[in-house]
Amino acid sequence: MSIVMKEITKSFGDPPTRVLKGISGEIKNGEMLSITGRSGSGKSTLLYIISSLDRPTSGEVIIDGVPLSSLTKKELHLFRNIKMGFVFQFHHLLPELTAMENVLMPTLKVQKDPKYGKFAMELLTEFGIGDKANRFPSQMSGGEQQRVAIARALIMNPKIIFADEPTGNLDSVSGNLVMNLFKKINKIHGTTIIYVTHDEIFSEMAPRKITLVDGLISKSSEVSPTQ
């Protein structure tokens, strides 16, 4: 499931300030890609646009051959729920739900199926927190909570995981654990992983990196050109 970006621009404010200034390229199916750059370079803005959480001011994002601009709001929501998973700097777990219940949250939108409960337990176990399945977020460390958030992102077996500063709120040990989980998911499941990070060490853990400078991709780290 490739992602094609065609002359993506994004402006904010009045008068408008251009944050992204015409980004084109392709992210291929099964890639693990980091997006990095200084604060204000547009890296999170780009991630939100290619993940369909925001619309570009101009240009087009095409995922799996489908132009996102061609989808209605309802179709886009369904497209996102089936094909994508999201991990953020702040895990956004519901405090009143257990780890297991948090992981299963995305499945509430589909018909109940016992396979999801089994898969959720498999994910938690694979991530080394199977024994925390019935604990609440307040009873887990930050790294454990982020692993729950990653399991939640995977429960619908998405083709793409988008992560915005997934290690930004973690210590180095927990951050390394999270990044190694992403590498494992990418290698074993073939899931496309696209993540934003300001950390140079973590950005280098991806086989491919793009660096944004003032809303443009640095010449030294261009994405593959579109056809």
Protein backbone atom coordinates (compact mmCIF):
# COMPACT_ATOMS: atom_id res chain seq x y z
CA MET A 1 0.00 0.00 0.00
CA SER A 2 2.03 2.93 -1.26
CA ILE A 3 1.53 6.58 -0.33
CA VAL A 4 2.03 9.14 -3.09
CA MET A 5 2.38 12.83 -2.29
CA LYS A 6 1.85 15.33 -5.09
CA GLU A 7 2.93 18.93 -4.49
CA ILE A 8 1.61 19.06 -0.93
CA THR A 9 1.33 22.54 0.56
CA LYS A 10 -0.17 23.68 3.86
CA SER A 11 -0.81 27.18 5.12
CA PHE A 12 -2.07 28.43 8.47
CA GLY A 13 -3.34 31.78 9.72
CA ASP A 14 -4.41 35.07 8.20
CA PRO A 15 -2.41 36.28 6.42
CA PRO A 16 -1.47 32.68 5.58
CA THR A 17 1.93 31.30 6.51
CA ARG A 18 3.09 28.37 4.37
CA VAL A 19 4.34 25.53 6.55
CA LEU A 20 4.70 22.98 3.74
CA LYS A 21 5.89 24.34 0.40
CA GLY A 22 5.28 21.66 -2.22
CA ILE A 23 6.29 18.16 -1.19
CA SER A 24 6.18 15.29 -3.67
CA GLY A 25 7.34 11.70 -3.39
CA GLU A 26 6.37 8.14 -2.63
CA ILE A 27 6.48 5.94 0.45
CA LYS A 28 6.39 2.32 -0.61
CA ASN A 29 4.49 -0.55 0.92
CA GLY A 30 6.31 -2.16 3.85
CA GLU A 31 8.76 0.68 4.40
CA MET A 32 9.86 1.99 7.78
CA LEU A 33 10.44 5.71 7.42
CA SER A 34 11.36 8.46 9.85
CA ILE A 35 10.48 12.12 9.32
CA THR A 36 12.74 14.49 11.19
CA GLY A 37 13.67 18.17 11.31
CA ARG A 38 13.85 21.11 13.64
CA SER A 39 10.85 22.44 15.53
CA GLY A 40 8.60 24.28 13.08
CA SER A 41 9.99 22.49 10.02
CA GLY A 42 6.57 20.97 9.23
CA LYS A 43 7.25 17.33 10.07
CA SER A 44 4.13 16.74 12.20
CA THR A 45 2.02 18.72 9.75
CA LEU A 46 3.18 16.44 6.93
CA LEU A 47 2.43 13.32 8.98
CA TYR A 48 -1.09 14.53 9.75
CA ILE A 49 -1.75 15.26 6.09
CA ILE A 50 -0.48 11.95 4.69
CA SER A 51 -2.37 10.09 7.43
CA SER A 52 -5.65 11.84 6.44
CA LEU A 53 -6.05 13.56 9.83
CA ASP A 54 -5.66 16.93 8.09
CA ARG A 55 -6.20 18.24 4.58
CA PRO A 56 -3.53 19.95 2.50
CA THR A 57 -4.10 23.51 1.33
CA SER A 58 -3.21 22.27 -2.14
CA GLY A 59 -1.85 19.09 -3.65
CA GLU A 60 -2.99 15.49 -3.32
CA VAL A 61 -2.30 12.43 -1.19
CA ILE A 62 -2.99 9.06 -2.82
CA ILE A 63 -3.02 5.91 -0.69
CA ASP A 64 -3.32 2.50 -2.29
CA GLY A 65 -4.39 4.22 -5.51
CA VAL A 66 -7.18 6.18 -3.78
CA PRO A 67 -6.98 10.01 -3.79
CA LEU A 68 -7.97 11.06 -0.27
CA SER A 69 -9.73 14.16 -1.62
CA SER A 70 -12.17 11.89 -3.48
CA LEU A 71 -13.54 10.39 -0.26
CA THR A 72 -16.50 11.71 1.69
CA LYS A 73 -16.05 12.31 5.42
CA LYS A 74 -17.75 9.00 6.19
CA GLU A 75 -15.70 7.10 3.61
CA LEU A 76 -12.49 8.66 4.90
CA HIS A 77 -13.33 7.65 8.47
CA LEU A 78 -13.93 4.04 7.36
CA PHE A 79 -10.78 4.05 5.20
CA ARG A 80 -8.75 5.29 8.17
CA ASN A 81 -10.26 2.82 10.64
CA ILE A 82 -9.57 -0.20 8.41
CA LYS A 83 -6.18 0.64 6.94
CA MET A 84 -4.41 2.82 9.53
CA GLY A 85 -3.22 2.78 13.11
CA PHE A 86 -2.06 5.80 15.11
CA VAL A 87 0.40 6.30 17.97
CA PHE A 88 1.04 9.69 19.53
CA GLN A 89 3.49 11.19 22.03
CA PHE A 90 0.78 11.12 24.68
CA HIS A 91 -0.81 7.69 24.57
CA HIS A 92 -4.38 8.90 25.21
CA LEU A 93 -5.43 5.76 27.10
CA LEU A 94 -8.76 5.98 28.87
CA PRO A 95 -7.94 5.94 32.60
CA GLU A 96 -11.12 4.09 33.57
CA LEU A 97 -10.37 1.16 31.23
CA THR A 98 -7.87 -1.66 31.70
CA ALA A 99 -5.00 -2.24 29.29
CA MET A 100 -7.02 -4.94 27.53
CA GLU A 101 -10.11 -2.73 27.26
CA ASN A 102 -8.02 0.14 25.86
CA VAL A 103 -6.51 -2.12 23.21
CA LEU A 104 -9.98 -3.30 22.18
CA MET A 105 -11.41 0.24 21.85
CA PRO A 106 -11.13 0.40 18.00
CA THR A 107 -13.03 -2.88 17.67
CA LEU A 108 -16.17 -1.40 19.24
CA LYS A 109 -16.99 0.10 15.84
CA VAL A 110 -17.28 -3.34 14.27
CA GLN A 111 -19.33 -6.41 15.10
CA LYS A 112 -18.10 -8.20 18.21
CA ASP A 113 -15.77 -11.04 17.40
CA PRO A 114 -13.92 -13.18 19.96
CA LYS A 115 -10.85 -13.19 17.71
CA TYR A 116 -10.10 -9.60 18.74
CA GLY A 117 -9.83 -10.51 22.41
CA LYS A 118 -7.43 -13.31 21.56
CA PHE A 119 -5.39 -11.07 19.27
CA ALA A 120 -5.25 -8.32 21.91
CA MET A 121 -3.83 -10.75 24.44
CA GLU A 122 -1.31 -11.99 21.87
CA LEU A 123 -0.16 -8.42 21.24
CA LEU A 124 0.18 -7.56 24.92
CA THR A 125 2.12 -10.77 25.50
CA GLU A 126 4.34 -10.13 22.49
CA PHE A 127 5.09 -6.66 23.87
CA GLY A 128 6.01 -8.07 27.28
CA ILE A 129 2.99 -6.76 29.17
CA GLY A 130 0.59 -9.71 29.04
CA ASP A 131 0.60 -9.73 32.84
CA LYS A 132 -0.66 -6.12 32.81
CA ALA A 133 -3.81 -6.87 30.77
CA ASN A 134 -6.16 -6.15 33.68
CA ARG A 135 -4.29 -3.15 35.06
CA PHE A 136 -5.38 0.44 34.65
CA PRO A 137 -3.09 3.06 33.07
CA SER A 138 -2.32 4.57 36.48
CA GLN A 139 -0.88 1.21 37.51
CA MET A 140 1.59 1.09 34.60
CA SER A 141 4.78 2.95 33.71
CA GLY A 142 4.94 5.41 30.80
CA GLY A 143 6.71 2.86 28.63
CA GLU A 144 4.12 0.20 29.43
CA GLN A 145 1.29 2.60 28.59
CA GLN A 146 2.91 3.43 25.26
CA ARG A 147 3.15 -0.28 24.46
CA VAL A 148 -0.58 -0.57 25.18
CA ALA A 149 -1.14 2.33 22.77
CA ILE A 150 0.87 0.52 20.07
CA ALA A 151 -1.13 -2.67 20.64
CA ARG A 152 -4.32 -0.60 20.28
CA ALA A 153 -3.00 0.79 16.98
CA LEU A 154 -2.41 -2.76 15.72
CA ILE A 155 -5.64 -4.43 16.86
CA MET A 156 -7.41 -3.86 13.50
CA ASN A 157 -4.34 -5.22 11.67
CA PRO A 158 -3.74 -1.98 9.74
CA LYS A 159 -1.46 -1.73 6.73
CA ILE A 160 0.13 1.50 7.96
CA ILE A 161 1.13 2.81 11.39
CA PHE A 162 1.56 6.57 11.77
CA ALA A 163 3.40 7.73 14.90
CA ASP A 164 3.97 11.33 16.01
CA GLU A 165 6.89 11.62 18.46
CA PRO A 166 6.10 8.17 19.96
CA THR A 167 9.17 8.33 22.24
CA GLY A 168 8.93 12.03 23.08
CA ASN A 169 7.49 11.46 26.55
CA LEU A 170 9.65 8.45 27.47
CA ASP A 171 13.07 7.88 29.01
CA SER A 172 15.80 6.47 26.77
CA VAL A 173 15.28 2.86 27.88
CA SER A 174 11.54 2.93 27.22
CA GLY A 175 12.12 4.87 24.00
CA ASN A 176 14.49 2.22 22.70
CA LEU A 177 11.97 -0.48 23.61
CA VAL A 178 9.23 1.28 21.65
CA MET A 179 11.46 1.78 18.62
CA ASN A 180 12.52 -1.86 18.65
CA LEU A 181 8.84 -2.81 18.73
CA PHE A 182 8.27 -0.75 15.59
CA LYS A 183 11.20 -2.47 13.87
CA LYS A 184 9.79 -5.87 14.87
CA ILE A 185 6.29 -4.99 13.63
CA ASN A 186 7.72 -3.76 10.34
CA LYS A 187 9.89 -6.83 9.82
CA ILE A 188 7.53 -9.58 10.96
CA HIS A 189 4.14 -8.19 9.90
CA GLY A 190 5.29 -6.09 6.93
CA THR A 191 3.44 -3.10 8.34
CA THR A 192 4.44 0.25 6.89
CA ILE A 193 5.75 2.41 9.74
CA ILE A 194 5.98 6.19 9.36
CA TYR A 195 7.07 8.16 12.40
CA VAL A 196 8.04 11.70 13.31
CA THR A 197 10.89 12.27 15.73
CA HIS A 198 13.19 15.12 16.72
CA ASP A 199 15.66 12.61 18.19
CA GLU A 200 18.57 12.01 15.82
CA ILE A 201 19.35 8.56 17.26
CA PHE A 202 15.77 7.35 16.87
CA SER A 203 15.50 8.85 13.37
CA GLU A 204 18.49 6.77 12.29
CA MET A 205 16.79 3.54 13.42
CA ALA A 206 14.62 3.62 10.30
CA PRO A 207 16.13 2.23 7.08
CA ARG A 208 14.97 5.42 5.37
CA LYS A 209 14.81 8.98 6.64
CA ILE A 210 13.59 12.28 5.29
CA THR A 211 14.56 15.60 6.84
CA LEU A 212 12.36 18.67 6.51
CA VAL A 213 13.92 22.11 6.41
CA ASP A 214 11.58 25.10 6.28
CA GLY A 215 8.70 23.10 4.82
CA LEU A 216 10.74 21.34 2.16
CA ILE A 217 12.55 18.00 2.02
CA SER A 218 16.28 18.43 2.42
CA LYS A 219 18.22 17.64 -0.75
CA SER A 220 20.29 15.14 1.23
CA SER A 221 17.30 12.98 2.15
CA GLU A 222 14.72 13.05 -0.62
CA VAL A 223 11.90 10.52 -0.80
CA SER A 224 11.66 8.39 -3.93
CA PRO A 225 10.29 10.48 -6.80
CA THR A 226 6.75 9.86 -7.98
CA GLN A 227 6.23 8.38 -11.39
